[in-house]
């Protein structure tokens, strides 16, 4: 079951992070090979690969094809601590946060198309299929939705841009927005993912932007409801 798979991935991620700490690995230090990690963690190759991908998507690891796995940003934990302190001290306006996130994702689509980048559509489509499986089987959908969006931003091939989005994502993890959606709404979200990818494949920026904007509408509706606002922003 996917719930079990997700749990194993999360356990593998925690054990990899523990390994880094216990062995006092620093930025750019190399981790054991995939085969060695499978033996150490006692999980399947699929689980190890997904755990590595997930850790790479948040900057903890760097994966070099054919070159191995390395420790990523050594300041990642300190950045999280700073954000947590800022959030506890000052809070954050959720609507403004989502507006920034939307701008960044629209920007990622623009960068990909304007730079004519070679996108890993196979991986993005596999994430979206995992998302679909989670929807149809009533499993937790948030993980695959988040990975899908993170990877689109990563495909923009701009490390500074990606780091900015990770700061915003860290705030999201602190405020814990819990958007409850029906299966019908989630399936619409899955189709929007597919349409965003179709727009990227066809290098149609206007279409990709339009679908991404539609994709953000449910969370804006949720925030307006939370804030007690009408659609026009009045009390």
C-alpha atoms as a PDB file:
ATOM      1  CA  UNK A   1       0.000   0.000   0.000  1.00  0.00           C
ATOM      2  CA  UNK A   2       1.155   3.564  -0.699  1.00  0.00           C
ATOM      3  CA  UNK A   3       0.730   4.546   2.958  1.00  0.00           C
ATOM      4  CA  UNK A   4       3.276   1.916   3.908  1.00  0.00           C
ATOM      5  CA  UNK A   5       5.548   2.999   1.063  1.00  0.00           C
ATOM      6  CA  UNK A   6       5.307   6.643   2.140  1.00  0.00           C
ATOM      7  CA  UNK A   7       6.138   5.671   5.723  1.00  0.00           C
ATOM      8  CA  UNK A   8       9.180   3.708   4.587  1.00  0.00           C
ATOM      9  CA  UNK A   9      10.368   6.654   2.505  1.00  0.00           C
ATOM     10  CA  UNK A  10      10.000   9.016   5.458  1.00  0.00           C
ATOM     11  CA  UNK A  11      11.854   6.565   7.728  1.00  0.00           C
ATOM     12  CA  UNK A  12      14.624   6.245   5.129  1.00  0.00           C
ATOM     13  CA  UNK A  13      14.853  10.047   4.885  1.00  0.00           C
ATOM     14  CA  UNK A  14      15.168  10.367   8.673  1.00  0.00           C
ATOM     15  CA  UNK A  15      17.854   7.667   8.807  1.00  0.00           C
ATOM     16  CA  UNK A  16      19.860   9.315   6.037  1.00  0.00           C
ATOM     17  CA  UNK A  17      19.711  12.649   7.881  1.00  0.00           C
ATOM     18  CA  UNK A  18      20.753  10.867  11.088  1.00  0.00           C
ATOM     19  CA  UNK A  19      23.663   9.251   9.232  1.00  0.00           C
ATOM     20  CA  UNK A  20      24.822  12.689   8.050  1.00  0.00           C
ATOM     21  CA  UNK A  21      24.689  14.086  11.592  1.00  0.00           C
ATOM     22  CA  UNK A  22      26.271  11.080  13.312  1.00  0.00           C
ATOM     23  CA  UNK A  23      29.134  10.992  10.822  1.00  0.00           C
ATOM     24  CA  UNK A  24      29.525  14.796  10.965  1.00  0.00           C
ATOM     25  CA  UNK A  25      29.366  15.047   7.191  1.00  0.00           C
ATOM     26  CA  UNK A  26      29.765  18.503   5.717  1.00  0.00           C
ATOM     27  CA  UNK A  27      28.641  20.155   2.511  1.00  0.00           C
ATOM     28  CA  UNK A  28      29.908  18.252  -0.562  1.00  0.00           C
ATOM     29  CA  UNK A  29      30.894  15.165   1.486  1.00  0.00           C
ATOM     30  CA  UNK A  30      29.929  11.973  -0.320  1.00  0.00           C
ATOM     31  CA  UNK A  31      27.352   9.531   1.035  1.00  0.00           C
ATOM     32  CA  UNK A  32      27.511   5.727   0.661  1.00  0.00           C
ATOM     33  CA  UNK A  33      26.501   4.256  -2.682  1.00  0.00           C
ATOM     34  CA  UNK A  34      22.891   3.388  -3.429  1.00  0.00           C
ATOM     35  CA  UNK A  35      23.678  -0.313  -2.908  1.00  0.00           C
ATOM     36  CA  UNK A  36      25.291   0.423   0.462  1.00  0.00           C
ATOM     37  CA  UNK A  37      22.319   2.553   1.537  1.00  0.00           C
ATOM     38  CA  UNK A  38      19.906  -0.253   0.622  1.00  0.00           C
ATOM     39  CA  UNK A  39      21.908  -2.611   2.848  1.00  0.00           C
ATOM     40  CA  UNK A  40      22.183  -0.082   5.708  1.00  0.00           C
ATOM     41  CA  UNK A  41      18.519   0.945   5.664  1.00  0.00           C
ATOM     42  CA  UNK A  42      17.118  -2.514   4.853  1.00  0.00           C
ATOM     43  CA  UNK A  43      14.620  -1.139   2.345  1.00  0.00           C
ATOM     44  CA  UNK A  44      14.084  -1.515  -1.386  1.00  0.00           C
ATOM     45  CA  UNK A  45      15.931   0.368  -4.121  1.00  0.00           C
ATOM     46  CA  UNK A  46      12.698   2.209  -4.966  1.00  0.00           C
ATOM     47  CA  UNK A  47      12.351   3.505  -1.404  1.00  0.00           C
ATOM     48  CA  UNK A  48      16.006   4.592  -1.252  1.00  0.00           C
ATOM     49  CA  UNK A  49      15.774   6.403  -4.592  1.00  0.00           C
ATOM     50  CA  UNK A  50      12.585   8.200  -3.568  1.00  0.00           C
ATOM     51  CA  UNK A  51      14.107   9.191  -0.223  1.00  0.00           C
ATOM     52  CA  UNK A  52      17.198  10.568  -1.979  1.00  0.00           C
ATOM     53  CA  UNK A  53      15.064  12.477  -4.485  1.00  0.00           C
ATOM     54  CA  UNK A  54      12.970  13.968  -1.681  1.00  0.00           C
ATOM     55  CA  UNK A  55      16.052  15.042   0.281  1.00  0.00           C
ATOM     56  CA  UNK A  56      17.522  16.539  -2.871  1.00  0.00           C
ATOM     57  CA  UNK A  57      14.323  18.508  -3.532  1.00  0.00           C
ATOM     58  CA  UNK A  58      14.700  20.343  -0.198  1.00  0.00           C
ATOM     59  CA  UNK A  59      18.417  20.960  -0.564  1.00  0.00           C
ATOM     60  CA  UNK A  60      19.785  18.481   1.977  1.00  0.00           C
ATOM     61  CA  UNK A  61      21.410  16.318  -0.717  1.00  0.00           C
ATOM     62  CA  UNK A  62      22.887  16.844  -4.157  1.00  0.00           C
ATOM     63  CA  UNK A  63      22.688  13.957  -6.633  1.00  0.00           C
ATOM     64  CA  UNK A  64      25.220  13.923  -9.450  1.00  0.00           C
ATOM     65  CA  UNK A  65      24.259  11.429 -12.185  1.00  0.00           C
ATOM     66  CA  UNK A  66      27.033   8.873 -12.364  1.00  0.00           C
ATOM     67  CA  UNK A  67      28.944  10.689  -9.639  1.00  0.00           C
ATOM     68  CA  UNK A  68      27.123   9.753  -6.458  1.00  0.00           C
ATOM     69  CA  UNK A  69      25.197  11.491  -3.679  1.00  0.00           C
ATOM     70  CA  UNK A  70      26.624  14.412  -1.714  1.00  0.00           C
ATOM     71  CA  UNK A  71      25.600  16.534   1.247  1.00  0.00           C
ATOM     72  CA  UNK A  72      23.875  19.699   0.070  1.00  0.00           C
ATOM     73  CA  UNK A  73      23.535  23.104   1.713  1.00  0.00           C
ATOM     74  CA  UNK A  74      25.305  22.941   5.075  1.00  0.00           C
ATOM     75  CA  UNK A  75      23.293  25.942   6.294  1.00  0.00           C
ATOM     76  CA  UNK A  76      19.889  24.319   5.671  1.00  0.00           C
ATOM     77  CA  UNK A  77      19.187  23.603   9.344  1.00  0.00           C
ATOM     78  CA  UNK A  78      20.224  27.091  10.386  1.00  0.00           C
ATOM     79  CA  UNK A  79      17.901  28.591   7.760  1.00  0.00           C
ATOM     80  CA  UNK A  80      15.029  26.529   9.174  1.00  0.00           C
ATOM     81  CA  UNK A  81      15.835  27.737  12.694  1.00  0.00           C
ATOM     82  CA  UNK A  82      15.881  31.366  11.562  1.00  0.00           C
ATOM     83  CA  UNK A  83      12.550  30.973   9.789  1.00  0.00           C
ATOM     84  CA  UNK A  84      10.975  29.254  12.776  1.00  0.00           C
ATOM     85  CA  UNK A  85      12.107  32.054  15.071  1.00  0.00           C
ATOM     86  CA  UNK A  86      10.819  34.720  12.673  1.00  0.00           C
ATOM     87  CA  UNK A  87       7.475  32.964  12.317  1.00  0.00           C
ATOM     88  CA  UNK A  88       7.032  32.610  16.079  1.00  0.00           C
ATOM     89  CA  UNK A  89       8.037  36.233  16.657  1.00  0.00           C
ATOM     90  CA  UNK A  90       6.247  37.951  13.789  1.00  0.00           C
ATOM     91  CA  UNK A  91       3.931  35.448  12.144  1.00  0.00           C
ATOM     92  CA  UNK A  92       3.213  35.618   8.433  1.00  0.00           C
ATOM     93  CA  UNK A  93       0.229  36.641   6.306  1.00  0.00           C
ATOM     94  CA  UNK A  94      -0.804  33.403   4.639  1.00  0.00           C
ATOM     95  CA  UNK A  95      -2.455  35.096   1.667  1.00  0.00           C
ATOM     96  CA  UNK A  96       0.720  37.055   0.908  1.00  0.00           C
ATOM     97  CA  UNK A  97       2.727  33.857   1.227  1.00  0.00           C
ATOM     98  CA  UNK A  98       0.557  32.063  -1.330  1.00  0.00           C
ATOM     99  CA  UNK A  99       0.703  35.077  -3.660  1.00  0.00           C
ATOM    100  CA  UNK A 100       4.516  34.913  -3.571  1.00  0.00           C
ATOM    101  CA  UNK A 101       4.474  31.171  -4.146  1.00  0.00           C
ATOM    102  CA  UNK A 102       2.216  31.636  -7.174  1.00  0.00           C
ATOM    103  CA  UNK A 103       4.531  34.297  -8.616  1.00  0.00           C
ATOM    104  CA  UNK A 104       7.527  31.988  -8.158  1.00  0.00           C
ATOM    105  CA  UNK A 105       5.838  29.031  -9.839  1.00  0.00           C
ATOM    106  CA  UNK A 106       4.708  31.179 -12.764  1.00  0.00           C
ATOM    107  CA  UNK A 107       8.280  32.439 -12.966  1.00  0.00           C
ATOM    108  CA  UNK A 108       9.623  28.879 -13.051  1.00  0.00           C
ATOM    109  CA  UNK A 109       7.402  28.077 -16.034  1.00  0.00           C
ATOM    110  CA  UNK A 110       8.653  31.199 -17.801  1.00  0.00           C
ATOM    111  CA  UNK A 111      12.306  30.328 -17.155  1.00  0.00           C
ATOM    112  CA  UNK A 112      11.870  26.765 -18.420  1.00  0.00           C
ATOM    113  CA  UNK A 113      10.246  27.876 -21.668  1.00  0.00           C
ATOM    114  CA  UNK A 114      12.368  30.955 -22.332  1.00  0.00           C
ATOM    115  CA  UNK A 115      15.614  29.064 -21.654  1.00  0.00           C
ATOM    116  CA  UNK A 116      14.368  26.117 -23.760  1.00  0.00           C
ATOM    117  CA  UNK A 117      15.397  23.679 -21.009  1.00  0.00           C
ATOM    118  CA  UNK A 118      15.405  19.895 -21.332  1.00  0.00           C
ATOM    119  CA  UNK A 119      12.771  18.951 -18.740  1.00  0.00           C
ATOM    120  CA  UNK A 120      12.604  15.526 -17.075  1.00  0.00           C
ATOM    121  CA  UNK A 121       8.986  14.967 -18.092  1.00  0.00           C
ATOM    122  CA  UNK A 122       9.177  11.239 -17.286  1.00  0.00           C
ATOM    123  CA  UNK A 123       9.872  11.961 -13.624  1.00  0.00           C
ATOM    124  CA  UNK A 124       7.241  14.714 -13.410  1.00  0.00           C
ATOM    125  CA  UNK A 125       4.644  12.439 -14.996  1.00  0.00           C
ATOM    126  CA  UNK A 126       5.570   9.612 -12.618  1.00  0.00           C
ATOM    127  CA  UNK A 127       5.051  11.971  -9.662  1.00  0.00           C
ATOM    128  CA  UNK A 128       1.674  12.972 -11.066  1.00  0.00           C
ATOM    129  CA  UNK A 129       0.719   9.302 -11.470  1.00  0.00           C
ATOM    130  CA  UNK A 130       1.690   8.686  -7.841  1.00  0.00           C
ATOM    131  CA  UNK A 131      -0.539  11.654  -6.999  1.00  0.00           C
ATOM    132  CA  UNK A 132      -3.368  10.059  -8.984  1.00  0.00           C
ATOM    133  CA  UNK A 133      -2.932   6.730  -7.189  1.00  0.00           C
ATOM    134  CA  UNK A 134      -3.053   8.503  -3.830  1.00  0.00           C
ATOM    135  CA  UNK A 135      -6.264  10.274  -4.858  1.00  0.00           C
ATOM    136  CA  UNK A 136      -8.048   7.168  -6.143  1.00  0.00           C
ATOM    137  CA  UNK A 137      -7.068   5.073  -3.111  1.00  0.00           C
ATOM    138  CA  UNK A 138      -7.783   7.797  -0.528  1.00  0.00           C
ATOM    139  CA  UNK A 139      -4.150   7.984   0.579  1.00  0.00           C
ATOM    140  CA  UNK A 140      -2.263  11.110   1.609  1.00  0.00           C
ATOM    141  CA  UNK A 141      -1.955  13.264  -1.529  1.00  0.00           C
ATOM    142  CA  UNK A 142       0.086  16.180  -0.165  1.00  0.00           C
ATOM    143  CA  UNK A 143       3.509  14.598  -0.581  1.00  0.00           C
ATOM    144  CA  UNK A 144       3.285  13.937  -4.329  1.00  0.00           C
ATOM    145  CA  UNK A 145       1.604  17.261  -5.030  1.00  0.00           C
ATOM    146  CA  UNK A 146       4.430  19.044  -3.191  1.00  0.00           C
ATOM    147  CA  UNK A 147       7.138  17.029  -4.956  1.00  0.00           C
ATOM    148  CA  UNK A 148       5.551  17.769  -8.327  1.00  0.00           C
ATOM    149  CA  UNK A 149       5.654  21.525  -7.738  1.00  0.00           C
ATOM    150  CA  UNK A 150       9.136  21.440  -6.209  1.00  0.00           C
ATOM    151  CA  UNK A 151      10.499  19.578  -9.198  1.00  0.00           C
ATOM    152  CA  UNK A 152       8.983  22.018 -11.687  1.00  0.00           C
ATOM    153  CA  UNK A 153      10.822  24.820  -9.873  1.00  0.00           C
ATOM    154  CA  UNK A 154      13.999  22.727  -9.814  1.00  0.00           C
ATOM    155  CA  UNK A 155      13.720  22.261 -13.583  1.00  0.00           C
ATOM    156  CA  UNK A 156      14.117  26.045 -14.014  1.00  0.00           C
ATOM    157  CA  UNK A 157      17.861  25.405 -13.578  1.00  0.00           C
ATOM    158  CA  UNK A 158      18.466  28.437 -11.351  1.00  0.00           C
ATOM    159  CA  UNK A 159      19.862  27.581  -7.932  1.00  0.00           C
ATOM    160  CA  UNK A 160      19.219  31.001  -6.384  1.00  0.00           C
ATOM    161  CA  UNK A 161      15.639  31.011  -7.629  1.00  0.00           C
ATOM    162  CA  UNK A 162      15.136  27.509  -6.231  1.00  0.00           C
ATOM    163  CA  UNK A 163      16.545  28.541  -2.849  1.00  0.00           C
ATOM    164  CA  UNK A 164      14.052  31.420  -2.680  1.00  0.00           C
ATOM    165  CA  UNK A 165      11.194  28.996  -3.236  1.00  0.00           C
ATOM    166  CA  UNK A 166      12.548  26.709  -0.514  1.00  0.00           C
ATOM    167  CA  UNK A 167      12.387  29.603   1.954  1.00  0.00           C
ATOM    168  CA  UNK A 168       8.720  30.102   1.048  1.00  0.00           C
ATOM    169  CA  UNK A 169       8.091  26.354   1.303  1.00  0.00           C
ATOM    170  CA  UNK A 170       9.610  26.334   4.766  1.00  0.00           C
ATOM    171  CA  UNK A 171       7.112  28.977   5.852  1.00  0.00           C
ATOM    172  CA  UNK A 172       4.344  26.772   4.435  1.00  0.00           C
ATOM    173  CA  UNK A 173       5.549  23.908   6.620  1.00  0.00           C
ATOM    174  CA  UNK A 174       5.390  26.199   9.661  1.00  0.00           C
ATOM    175  CA  UNK A 175       1.903  27.591   9.078  1.00  0.00           C
ATOM    176  CA  UNK A 176       0.573  24.116   8.197  1.00  0.00           C
ATOM    177  CA  UNK A 177      -2.155  25.093   5.729  1.00  0.00           C
ATOM    178  CA  UNK A 178      -4.578  22.158   5.787  1.00  0.00           C
ATOM    179  CA  UNK A 179      -6.606  22.469   2.600  1.00  0.00           C
ATOM    180  CA  UNK A 180      -9.293  19.803   2.563  1.00  0.00           C
ATOM    181  CA  UNK A 181     -10.444  18.886  -0.951  1.00  0.00           C
ATOM    182  CA  UNK A 182     -12.973  16.382  -2.271  1.00  0.00           C
ATOM    183  CA  UNK A 183     -11.901  13.559  -4.573  1.00  0.00           C
ATOM    184  CA  UNK A 184     -13.483  15.477  -7.465  1.00  0.00           C
ATOM    185  CA  UNK A 185     -11.381  18.551  -6.661  1.00  0.00           C
ATOM    186  CA  UNK A 186      -8.216  16.457  -6.304  1.00  0.00           C
ATOM    187  CA  UNK A 187      -8.814  14.760  -9.658  1.00  0.00           C
ATOM    188  CA  UNK A 188      -9.225  18.217 -11.203  1.00  0.00           C
ATOM    189  CA  UNK A 189      -5.875  19.139  -9.616  1.00  0.00           C
ATOM    190  CA  UNK A 190      -4.281  16.024 -11.127  1.00  0.00           C
ATOM    191  CA  UNK A 191      -5.605  16.970 -14.584  1.00  0.00           C
ATOM    192  CA  UNK A 192      -4.260  20.502 -14.129  1.00  0.00           C
ATOM    193  CA  UNK A 193      -0.817  19.020 -13.427  1.00  0.00           C
ATOM    194  CA  UNK A 194      -1.074  17.138 -16.724  1.00  0.00           C
ATOM    195  CA  UNK A 195      -2.148  20.274 -18.581  1.00  0.00           C
ATOM    196  CA  UNK A 196       0.720  22.293 -17.093  1.00  0.00           C
ATOM    197  CA  UNK A 197       3.131  19.645 -18.391  1.00  0.00           C
ATOM    198  CA  UNK A 198       1.416  19.704 -21.792  1.00  0.00           C
ATOM    199  CA  UNK A 199       1.905  23.473 -21.907  1.00  0.00           C
ATOM    200  CA  UNK A 200       5.591  23.067 -21.068  1.00  0.00           C
ATOM    201  CA  UNK A 201       6.055  20.387 -23.729  1.00  0.00           C
ATOM    202  CA  UNK A 202       4.478  22.657 -26.317  1.00  0.00           C
ATOM    203  CA  UNK A 203       6.416  25.663 -24.981  1.00  0.00           C
ATOM    204  CA  UNK A 204       3.125  27.495 -24.611  1.00  0.00           C
ATOM    205  CA  UNK A 205       3.780  29.967 -21.791  1.00  0.00           C
ATOM    206  CA  UNK A 206       0.355  31.631 -21.918  1.00  0.00           C
ATOM    207  CA  UNK A 207      -1.445  28.296 -21.574  1.00  0.00           C
ATOM    208  CA  UNK A 208       0.884  27.053 -18.804  1.00  0.00           C
ATOM    209  CA  UNK A 209       0.389  30.289 -16.855  1.00  0.00           C
ATOM    210  CA  UNK A 210      -3.381  30.105 -17.276  1.00  0.00           C
ATOM    211  CA  UNK A 211      -3.585  26.543 -15.924  1.00  0.00           C
ATOM    212  CA  UNK A 212      -1.202  27.275 -13.043  1.00  0.00           C
ATOM    213  CA  UNK A 213      -3.352  30.259 -12.049  1.00  0.00           C
ATOM    214  CA  UNK A 214      -6.458  28.057 -12.093  1.00  0.00           C
ATOM    215  CA  UNK A 215      -4.540  25.518 -10.019  1.00  0.00           C
ATOM    216  CA  UNK A 216      -4.004  28.092  -7.256  1.00  0.00           C
ATOM    217  CA  UNK A 217      -7.652  29.169  -7.067  1.00  0.00           C
ATOM    218  CA  UNK A 218      -8.810  26.596  -4.455  1.00  0.00           C
ATOM    219  CA  UNK A 219      -6.153  27.624  -1.943  1.00  0.00           C
ATOM    220  CA  UNK A 220      -6.974  31.320  -2.411  1.00  0.00           C
ATOM    221  CA  UNK A 221     -10.669  30.517  -1.891  1.00  0.00           C
ATOM    222  CA  UNK A 222      -9.741  28.640   1.278  1.00  0.00           C
ATOM    223  CA  UNK A 223      -7.656  31.562   2.563  1.00  0.00           C
ATOM    224  CA  UNK A 224     -10.410  34.094   1.870  1.00  0.00           C
ATOM    225  CA  UNK A 225     -12.776  31.869   3.840  1.00  0.00           C
ATOM    226  CA  UNK A 226     -10.259  31.602   6.687  1.00  0.00           C
ATOM    227  CA  UNK A 227      -9.836  35.349   6.797  1.00  0.00           C
ATOM    228  CA  UNK A 228     -13.578  35.908   6.755  1.00  0.00           C
ATOM    229  CA  UNK A 229     -13.347  37.814   3.494  1.00  0.00           C
ATOM    230  CA  UNK A 230     -15.605  37.875   0.511  1.00  0.00           C
ATOM    231  CA  UNK A 231     -14.250  37.225  -2.922  1.00  0.00           C
ATOM    232  CA  UNK A 232     -13.775  40.962  -3.544  1.00  0.00           C
ATOM    233  CA  UNK A 233     -11.654  41.307  -0.393  1.00  0.00           C
ATOM    234  CA  UNK A 234     -14.205  43.264   1.654  1.00  0.00           C
ATOM    235  CA  UNK A 235     -15.436  42.367   5.129  1.00  0.00           C
END
